[in-house]
Amino acid sequence: MQLVSQSAYDTQEIARTVAEKIRSTLPGTHATVIALRGDLGAGKTTFTQGFARALGIAQMPKSPTFLLAKQYAIPETSYSLWHLDCYRMKSHADLVTIDLHRIFDAPNNIILVEWPENISDGLPKHHGEIHFEHTGGDTRSITISNL
């Protein structure tokens, strides 16, 4: 599915729709993983903020580039939203080194991964993809697949 966002608000509304769809499919047998692809400033963190808000998370996610990962409890559930920023990772072995690979096995985790190409061998076989592309000004093309 291909969508067009004209603003940060539009991107967050698209994220809300995706979050509602994901929430309606829970629980699964393993974590729900969504790879967020796109250049710097393409809208990945803005999407994550709208996604978190739609799940009832009050804290505004920021890109965890220096932390690598941030966990947010989803209110009134046993689920967590994980926001991974793999920009500084060299391979999926980095996930294992810091014991982060275990979150992909837990069925109560929803995981949004920025810069997934840096750990592509470490992503679960079945994961969703969202690609963000600048198309001029504040406009973005957002392509959603495998959700």
N, C-alpha and C. Protein backbone atom coordinates (compact mmCIF):
# COMPACT_ATOMS: atom_id res chain seq x y z
N MET A 1 0.85 -1.17 0.00
CA MET A 1 0.00 0.00 0.00
C MET A 1 0.90 1.24 0.00
N GLN A 2 0.60 2.17 -0.87
CA GLN A 2 1.38 3.40 -0.94
C GLN A 2 0.50 4.58 -0.55
N LEU A 3 1.02 5.41 0.36
CA LEU A 3 0.30 6.57 0.86
C LEU A 3 1.16 7.80 0.69
N VAL A 4 0.52 8.97 0.76
CA VAL A 4 1.25 10.23 0.68
C VAL A 4 0.96 11.02 1.95
N SER A 5 2.04 11.50 2.57
CA SER A 5 1.93 12.36 3.75
C SER A 5 2.35 13.76 3.34
N GLN A 6 1.53 14.73 3.68
CA GLN A 6 1.84 16.13 3.37
C GLN A 6 2.45 16.86 4.56
N SER A 7 2.48 16.18 5.73
CA SER A 7 2.95 16.85 6.95
C SER A 7 3.29 15.82 8.03
N ALA A 8 3.90 16.31 9.10
CA ALA A 8 4.17 15.44 10.25
C ALA A 8 2.86 14.91 10.82
N TYR A 9 1.83 15.75 10.83
CA TYR A 9 0.52 15.32 11.32
C TYR A 9 0.00 14.15 10.48
N ASP A 10 0.09 14.25 9.16
CA ASP A 10 -0.35 13.16 8.28
C ASP A 10 0.41 11.87 8.59
N THR A 11 1.73 11.99 8.78
CA THR A 11 2.55 10.81 9.07
C THR A 11 2.10 10.17 10.38
N GLN A 12 1.79 10.98 11.37
CA GLN A 12 1.33 10.44 12.65
C GLN A 12 -0.06 9.83 12.54
N GLU A 13 -0.89 10.34 11.68
CA GLU A 13 -2.21 9.74 11.46
C GLU A 13 -2.09 8.39 10.75
N ILE A 14 -1.16 8.30 9.82
CA ILE A 14 -0.90 7.01 9.17
C ILE A 14 -0.40 6.02 10.22
N ALA A 15 0.48 6.48 11.10
CA ALA A 15 0.99 5.63 12.18
C ALA A 15 -0.14 5.16 13.10
N ARG A 16 -1.07 6.05 13.38
CA ARG A 16 -2.21 5.69 14.23
C ARG A 16 -3.00 4.55 13.60
N THR A 17 -3.25 4.65 12.32
CA THR A 17 -3.99 3.61 11.60
C THR A 17 -3.24 2.28 11.64
N VAL A 18 -1.93 2.32 11.44
CA VAL A 18 -1.12 1.10 11.48
C VAL A 18 -1.13 0.52 12.90
N ALA A 19 -0.98 1.36 13.91
CA ALA A 19 -0.98 0.89 15.30
C ALA A 19 -2.31 0.22 15.66
N GLU A 20 -3.41 0.81 15.22
CA GLU A 20 -4.73 0.21 15.49
C GLU A 20 -4.85 -1.16 14.82
N LYS A 21 -4.33 -1.27 13.61
CA LYS A 21 -4.37 -2.56 12.91
C LYS A 21 -3.53 -3.60 13.65
N ILE A 22 -2.33 -3.21 14.05
CA ILE A 22 -1.44 -4.12 14.78
C ILE A 22 -2.09 -4.55 16.09
N ARG A 23 -2.63 -3.59 16.81
CA ARG A 23 -3.25 -3.89 18.11
C ARG A 23 -4.41 -4.89 17.95
N SER A 24 -5.13 -4.79 16.85
CA SER A 24 -6.27 -5.69 16.64
C SER A 24 -5.84 -7.12 16.33
N THR A 25 -4.57 -7.32 15.97
CA THR A 25 -4.10 -8.67 15.63
C THR A 25 -3.38 -9.34 16.80
N LEU A 26 -3.24 -8.65 17.92
CA LEU A 26 -2.56 -9.22 19.09
C LEU A 26 -3.49 -10.19 19.80
N PRO A 27 -3.02 -11.22 20.45
CA PRO A 27 -1.62 -11.61 20.59
C PRO A 27 -1.17 -12.49 19.43
N GLY A 28 0.12 -12.47 19.20
CA GLY A 28 0.72 -13.33 18.19
C GLY A 28 1.55 -14.41 18.86
N THR A 29 2.25 -15.18 18.07
CA THR A 29 3.10 -16.23 18.64
C THR A 29 4.51 -15.73 18.92
N HIS A 30 4.89 -14.61 18.31
CA HIS A 30 6.17 -13.97 18.60
C HIS A 30 6.00 -12.47 18.41
N ALA A 31 7.05 -11.72 18.64
CA ALA A 31 6.98 -10.27 18.56
C ALA A 31 6.49 -9.80 17.19
N THR A 32 5.83 -8.67 17.19
CA THR A 32 5.44 -8.00 15.96
C THR A 32 6.57 -7.02 15.63
N VAL A 33 7.21 -7.21 14.48
CA VAL A 33 8.37 -6.40 14.12
C VAL A 33 8.07 -5.64 12.83
N ILE A 34 8.36 -4.34 12.87
CA ILE A 34 8.16 -3.49 11.69
C ILE A 34 9.46 -2.75 11.42
N ALA A 35 10.03 -2.99 10.24
CA ALA A 35 11.25 -2.31 9.81
C ALA A 35 10.86 -0.97 9.19
N LEU A 36 11.44 0.11 9.70
CA LEU A 36 11.20 1.46 9.19
C LEU A 36 12.41 1.88 8.37
N ARG A 37 12.22 2.01 7.06
CA ARG A 37 13.33 2.32 6.15
C ARG A 37 13.17 3.73 5.58
N GLY A 38 14.29 4.39 5.40
CA GLY A 38 14.28 5.72 4.79
C GLY A 38 15.48 6.52 5.22
N ASP A 39 15.77 7.57 4.47
CA ASP A 39 16.90 8.44 4.75
C ASP A 39 16.70 9.22 6.05
N LEU A 40 17.76 9.86 6.51
CA LEU A 40 17.66 10.74 7.68
C LEU A 40 16.58 11.80 7.41
N GLY A 41 15.75 12.03 8.39
CA GLY A 41 14.71 13.06 8.27
C GLY A 41 13.52 12.66 7.42
N ALA A 42 13.40 11.39 7.07
CA ALA A 42 12.31 10.96 6.19
C ALA A 42 10.98 10.77 6.92
N GLY A 43 11.01 10.68 8.25
CA GLY A 43 9.76 10.56 8.99
C GLY A 43 9.64 9.33 9.88
N LYS A 44 10.72 8.58 10.04
CA LYS A 44 10.67 7.34 10.83
C LYS A 44 10.35 7.61 12.29
N THR A 45 11.01 8.59 12.89
CA THR A 45 10.76 8.91 14.30
C THR A 45 9.40 9.58 14.47
N THR A 46 9.01 10.41 13.54
CA THR A 46 7.68 11.03 13.59
C THR A 46 6.61 9.95 13.54
N PHE A 47 6.80 8.95 12.69
CA PHE A 47 5.88 7.82 12.61
C PHE A 47 5.83 7.11 13.96
N THR A 48 7.00 6.85 14.55
CA THR A 48 7.07 6.15 15.83
C THR A 48 6.32 6.92 16.91
N GLN A 49 6.42 8.23 16.90
CA GLN A 49 5.72 9.05 17.89
C GLN A 49 4.20 8.91 17.75
N GLY A 50 3.71 8.95 16.53
CA GLY A 50 2.27 8.77 16.31
C GLY A 50 1.81 7.36 16.67
N PHE A 51 2.64 6.37 16.39
CA PHE A 51 2.36 4.97 16.71
C PHE A 51 2.24 4.81 18.22
N ALA A 52 3.21 5.36 18.96
CA ALA A 52 3.21 5.27 20.42
C ALA A 52 1.98 5.96 21.01
N ARG A 53 1.68 7.13 20.51
CA ARG A 53 0.52 7.88 21.01
C ARG A 53 -0.76 7.07 20.80
N ALA A 54 -0.89 6.42 19.64
CA ALA A 54 -2.08 5.62 19.34
C ALA A 54 -2.22 4.43 20.29
N LEU A 55 -1.10 3.96 20.84
CA LEU A 55 -1.14 2.85 21.78
C LEU A 55 -1.36 3.33 23.23
N GLY A 56 -1.48 4.65 23.39
CA GLY A 56 -1.74 5.20 24.73
C GLY A 56 -0.49 5.53 25.51
N ILE A 57 0.65 5.52 24.87
CA ILE A 57 1.91 5.84 25.55
C ILE A 57 2.04 7.36 25.63
N ALA A 58 2.16 7.87 26.86
CA ALA A 58 2.20 9.32 27.07
C ALA A 58 3.57 9.91 26.73
N GLN A 59 4.64 9.17 26.98
CA GLN A 59 5.98 9.67 26.73
C GLN A 59 6.23 9.77 25.23
N MET A 60 6.78 10.89 24.79
CA MET A 60 7.06 11.12 23.38
C MET A 60 8.39 10.46 22.99
N PRO A 61 8.35 9.40 22.19
CA PRO A 61 9.61 8.74 21.80
C PRO A 61 10.52 9.68 21.02
N LYS A 62 11.80 9.56 21.32
CA LYS A 62 12.84 10.25 20.56
C LYS A 62 13.72 9.16 19.98
N SER A 63 14.42 9.47 18.93
CA SER A 63 15.28 8.47 18.30
C SER A 63 16.35 8.03 19.30
N PRO A 64 16.42 6.72 19.59
CA PRO A 64 17.38 6.23 20.59
C PRO A 64 18.75 5.91 20.01
N THR A 65 19.27 6.80 19.16
CA THR A 65 20.53 6.53 18.46
C THR A 65 21.65 6.15 19.41
N PHE A 66 21.78 6.84 20.53
CA PHE A 66 22.89 6.57 21.43
C PHE A 66 22.54 5.51 22.47
N LEU A 67 21.25 5.26 22.67
CA LEU A 67 20.82 4.20 23.59
C LEU A 67 20.63 2.88 22.85
N LEU A 68 20.44 2.94 21.55
CA LEU A 68 20.16 1.82 20.65
C LEU A 68 18.72 1.33 20.76
N ALA A 69 18.17 1.27 21.96
CA ALA A 69 16.81 0.76 22.12
C ALA A 69 16.14 1.44 23.30
N LYS A 70 14.84 1.61 23.18
CA LYS A 70 14.04 2.18 24.25
C LYS A 70 12.76 1.38 24.35
N GLN A 71 12.38 1.00 25.56
CA GLN A 71 11.17 0.22 25.80
C GLN A 71 10.12 1.11 26.45
N TYR A 72 8.88 1.00 25.95
CA TYR A 72 7.75 1.74 26.50
C TYR A 72 6.64 0.75 26.86
N ALA A 73 6.16 0.81 28.08
CA ALA A 73 5.03 -0.04 28.48
C ALA A 73 3.77 0.50 27.81
N ILE A 74 2.96 -0.38 27.27
CA ILE A 74 1.69 0.01 26.68
C ILE A 74 0.65 -0.06 27.79
N PRO A 75 0.06 1.08 28.17
CA PRO A 75 -0.84 1.13 29.32
C PRO A 75 -1.97 0.10 29.27
N GLU A 76 -2.26 -0.45 30.44
CA GLU A 76 -3.37 -1.37 30.65
C GLU A 76 -3.24 -2.65 29.84
N THR A 77 -2.00 -3.03 29.48
CA THR A 77 -1.73 -4.29 28.77
C THR A 77 -0.45 -4.89 29.32
N SER A 78 -0.15 -6.08 28.90
CA SER A 78 1.14 -6.71 29.25
C SER A 78 2.14 -6.54 28.10
N TYR A 79 1.84 -5.65 27.17
CA TYR A 79 2.67 -5.44 25.99
C TYR A 79 3.63 -4.27 26.16
N SER A 80 4.71 -4.34 25.38
CA SER A 80 5.69 -3.26 25.34
C SER A 80 5.93 -2.85 23.89
N LEU A 81 6.18 -1.57 23.70
CA LEU A 81 6.64 -1.06 22.41
C LEU A 81 8.13 -0.85 22.55
N TRP A 82 8.89 -1.44 21.65
CA TRP A 82 10.33 -1.24 21.59
C TRP A 82 10.65 -0.39 20.37
N HIS A 83 11.50 0.61 20.56
CA HIS A 83 11.96 1.47 19.47
C HIS A 83 13.47 1.26 19.36
N LEU A 84 13.90 0.61 18.28
CA LEU A 84 15.32 0.35 18.06
C LEU A 84 15.85 1.28 16.98
N ASP A 85 17.02 1.83 17.23
CA ASP A 85 17.72 2.63 16.23
C ASP A 85 19.04 1.93 15.96
N CYS A 86 19.14 1.27 14.83
CA CYS A 86 20.30 0.44 14.51
C CYS A 86 21.33 1.17 13.66
N TYR A 87 21.26 2.49 13.62
CA TYR A 87 22.15 3.29 12.79
C TYR A 87 23.62 2.99 13.06
N ARG A 88 23.98 2.81 14.33
CA ARG A 88 25.38 2.60 14.69
C ARG A 88 25.79 1.12 14.71
N MET A 89 24.86 0.22 14.42
CA MET A 89 25.18 -1.20 14.44
C MET A 89 25.83 -1.61 13.12
N LYS A 90 26.69 -2.59 13.20
CA LYS A 90 27.40 -3.08 12.01
C LYS A 90 26.73 -4.32 11.42
N SER A 91 26.12 -5.15 12.29
CA SER A 91 25.45 -6.37 11.84
C SER A 91 24.53 -6.87 12.95
N HIS A 92 23.79 -7.92 12.63
CA HIS A 92 22.89 -8.48 13.64
C HIS A 92 23.66 -9.05 14.83
N ALA A 93 24.95 -9.33 14.67
CA ALA A 93 25.77 -9.83 15.78
C ALA A 93 25.82 -8.80 16.91
N ASP A 94 25.70 -7.51 16.57
CA ASP A 94 25.67 -6.47 17.60
C ASP A 94 24.46 -6.63 18.51
N LEU A 95 23.34 -7.10 17.96
CA LEU A 95 22.15 -7.35 18.78
C LEU A 95 22.43 -8.44 19.80
N VAL A 96 23.11 -9.48 19.36
CA VAL A 96 23.43 -10.61 20.24
C VAL A 96 24.41 -10.16 21.32
N THR A 97 25.39 -9.38 20.94
CA THR A 97 26.40 -8.92 21.88
C THR A 97 25.79 -8.19 23.06
N ILE A 98 24.78 -7.39 22.80
CA ILE A 98 24.14 -6.64 23.89
C ILE A 98 22.84 -7.29 24.35
N ASP A 99 22.61 -8.53 23.95
CA ASP A 99 21.47 -9.35 24.38
C ASP A 99 20.12 -8.75 23.99
N LEU A 100 20.10 -7.99 22.90
CA LEU A 100 18.87 -7.36 22.45
C LEU A 100 18.06 -8.27 21.54
N HIS A 101 18.68 -9.29 21.00
CA HIS A 101 18.00 -10.21 20.09
C HIS A 101 16.83 -10.93 20.76
N ARG A 102 16.87 -11.07 22.07
CA ARG A 102 15.83 -11.79 22.81
C ARG A 102 14.45 -11.13 22.69
N ILE A 103 14.42 -9.82 22.44
CA ILE A 103 13.10 -9.15 22.38
C ILE A 103 12.29 -9.60 21.17
N PHE A 104 12.96 -10.12 20.13
CA PHE A 104 12.24 -10.58 18.94
C PHE A 104 11.45 -11.86 19.20
N ASP A 105 11.78 -12.57 20.27
CA ASP A 105 11.09 -13.83 20.59
C ASP A 105 9.85 -13.64 21.45
N ALA A 106 9.75 -12.54 22.16
CA ALA A 106 8.66 -12.34 23.12
C ALA A 106 7.38 -11.89 22.41
N PRO A 107 6.30 -12.67 22.52
CA PRO A 107 5.06 -12.34 21.81
C PRO A 107 4.38 -11.06 22.31
N ASN A 108 4.80 -10.56 23.46
CA ASN A 108 4.17 -9.34 23.97
C ASN A 108 4.95 -8.08 23.60
N ASN A 109 5.83 -8.18 22.60
CA ASN A 109 6.58 -7.02 22.14
C ASN A 109 6.15 -6.59 20.74
N ILE A 110 6.02 -5.28 20.59
CA ILE A 110 5.86 -4.65 19.28
C ILE A 110 7.15 -3.87 19.09
N ILE A 111 7.84 -4.11 17.97
CA ILE A 111 9.17 -3.55 17.78
C ILE A 111 9.22 -2.75 16.48
N LEU A 112 9.58 -1.48 16.60
CA LEU A 112 9.80 -0.62 15.45
C LEU A 112 11.31 -0.45 15.30
N VAL A 113 11.84 -0.80 14.14
CA VAL A 113 13.29 -0.80 13.93
C VAL A 113 13.68 0.23 12.87
N GLU A 114 14.40 1.27 13.31
CA GLU A 114 14.98 2.22 12.36
C GLU A 114 16.34 1.69 11.91
N TRP A 115 16.69 1.91 10.66
CA TRP A 115 17.93 1.45 10.04
C TRP A 115 18.03 -0.08 10.11
N PRO A 116 16.97 -0.79 9.72
CA PRO A 116 16.97 -2.25 9.79
C PRO A 116 17.98 -2.90 8.85
N GLU A 117 18.40 -2.18 7.81
CA GLU A 117 19.37 -2.75 6.88
C GLU A 117 20.70 -3.10 7.58
N ASN A 118 20.96 -2.45 8.72
CA ASN A 118 22.20 -2.73 9.44
C ASN A 118 22.14 -4.03 10.23
N ILE A 119 20.95 -4.58 10.42
CA ILE A 119 20.81 -5.85 11.15
C ILE A 119 19.92 -6.82 10.37
N SER A 120 19.85 -6.67 9.07
CA SER A 120 18.86 -7.41 8.26
C SER A 120 18.88 -8.91 8.51
N ASP A 121 20.03 -9.50 8.73
CA ASP A 121 20.08 -10.94 9.00
C ASP A 121 19.50 -11.28 10.37
N GLY A 122 19.35 -10.29 11.23
CA GLY A 122 18.81 -10.52 12.57
C GLY A 122 17.32 -10.29 12.68
N LEU A 123 16.70 -9.77 11.62
CA LEU A 123 15.25 -9.55 11.66
C LEU A 123 14.52 -10.88 11.50
N PRO A 124 13.39 -11.02 12.19
CA PRO A 124 12.59 -12.24 11.99
C PRO A 124 12.16 -12.36 10.54
N LYS A 125 11.99 -13.58 10.09
CA LYS A 125 11.59 -13.84 8.69
C LYS A 125 10.30 -13.10 8.35
N HIS A 126 9.34 -13.13 9.25
CA HIS A 126 8.06 -12.47 9.03
C HIS A 126 8.04 -11.14 9.78
N HIS A 127 8.26 -10.08 9.05
CA HIS A 127 8.19 -8.74 9.64
C HIS A 127 7.59 -7.79 8.62
N GLY A 128 7.00 -6.73 9.12
CA GLY A 128 6.43 -5.71 8.25
C GLY A 128 7.50 -4.72 7.81
N GLU A 129 7.20 -4.00 6.76
CA GLU A 129 8.13 -3.00 6.22
C GLU A 129 7.36 -1.71 5.95
N ILE A 130 7.96 -0.61 6.34
CA ILE A 130 7.43 0.70 5.97
C ILE A 130 8.60 1.52 5.44
N HIS A 131 8.45 2.00 4.21
CA HIS A 131 9.52 2.77 3.58
C HIS A 131 9.07 4.22 3.43
N PHE A 132 9.91 5.14 3.90
CA PHE A 132 9.63 6.57 3.85
C PHE A 132 10.56 7.21 2.83
N GLU A 133 9.98 8.03 1.95
CA GLU A 133 10.79 8.68 0.93
C GLU A 133 10.39 10.14 0.80
N HIS A 134 11.40 11.03 0.86
CA HIS A 134 11.17 12.46 0.62
C HIS A 134 10.70 12.63 -0.83
N THR A 135 9.65 13.39 -1.04
CA THR A 135 9.22 13.67 -2.42
C THR A 135 9.13 15.16 -2.68
N GLY A 136 9.72 15.96 -1.78
CA GLY A 136 9.73 17.40 -1.95
C GLY A 136 9.03 18.11 -0.80
N GLY A 137 9.67 19.14 -0.25
CA GLY A 137 9.09 19.89 0.86
C GLY A 137 8.81 18.99 2.05
N ASP A 138 7.59 19.09 2.57
CA ASP A 138 7.19 18.25 3.70
C ASP A 138 6.51 16.96 3.25
N THR A 139 6.43 16.74 1.96
CA THR A 139 5.72 15.59 1.42
C THR A 139 6.59 14.33 1.45
N ARG A 140 5.96 13.23 1.87
CA ARG A 140 6.62 11.94 1.93
C ARG A 140 5.76 10.90 1.24
N SER A 141 6.41 9.97 0.57
CA SER A 141 5.75 8.79 0.05
C SER A 141 6.01 7.69 1.09
N ILE A 142 4.94 7.05 1.55
CA ILE A 142 5.06 6.01 2.57
C ILE A 142 4.51 4.72 1.98
N THR A 143 5.37 3.72 1.88
CA THR A 143 4.97 2.43 1.32
C THR A 143 4.96 1.39 2.44
N ILE A 144 3.82 0.75 2.62
CA ILE A 144 3.62 -0.24 3.69
C ILE A 144 3.47 -1.61 3.05
N SER A 145 4.24 -2.58 3.55
CA SER A 145 4.10 -3.94 3.03
C SER A 145 4.26 -4.97 4.16
N ASN A 146 3.65 -6.12 3.94
CA ASN A 146 3.72 -7.28 4.84
C ASN A 146 3.11 -7.04 6.22
N LEU A 147 2.13 -6.16 6.30
CA LEU A 147 1.44 -5.95 7.59
C LEU A 147 0.06 -6.57 7.54
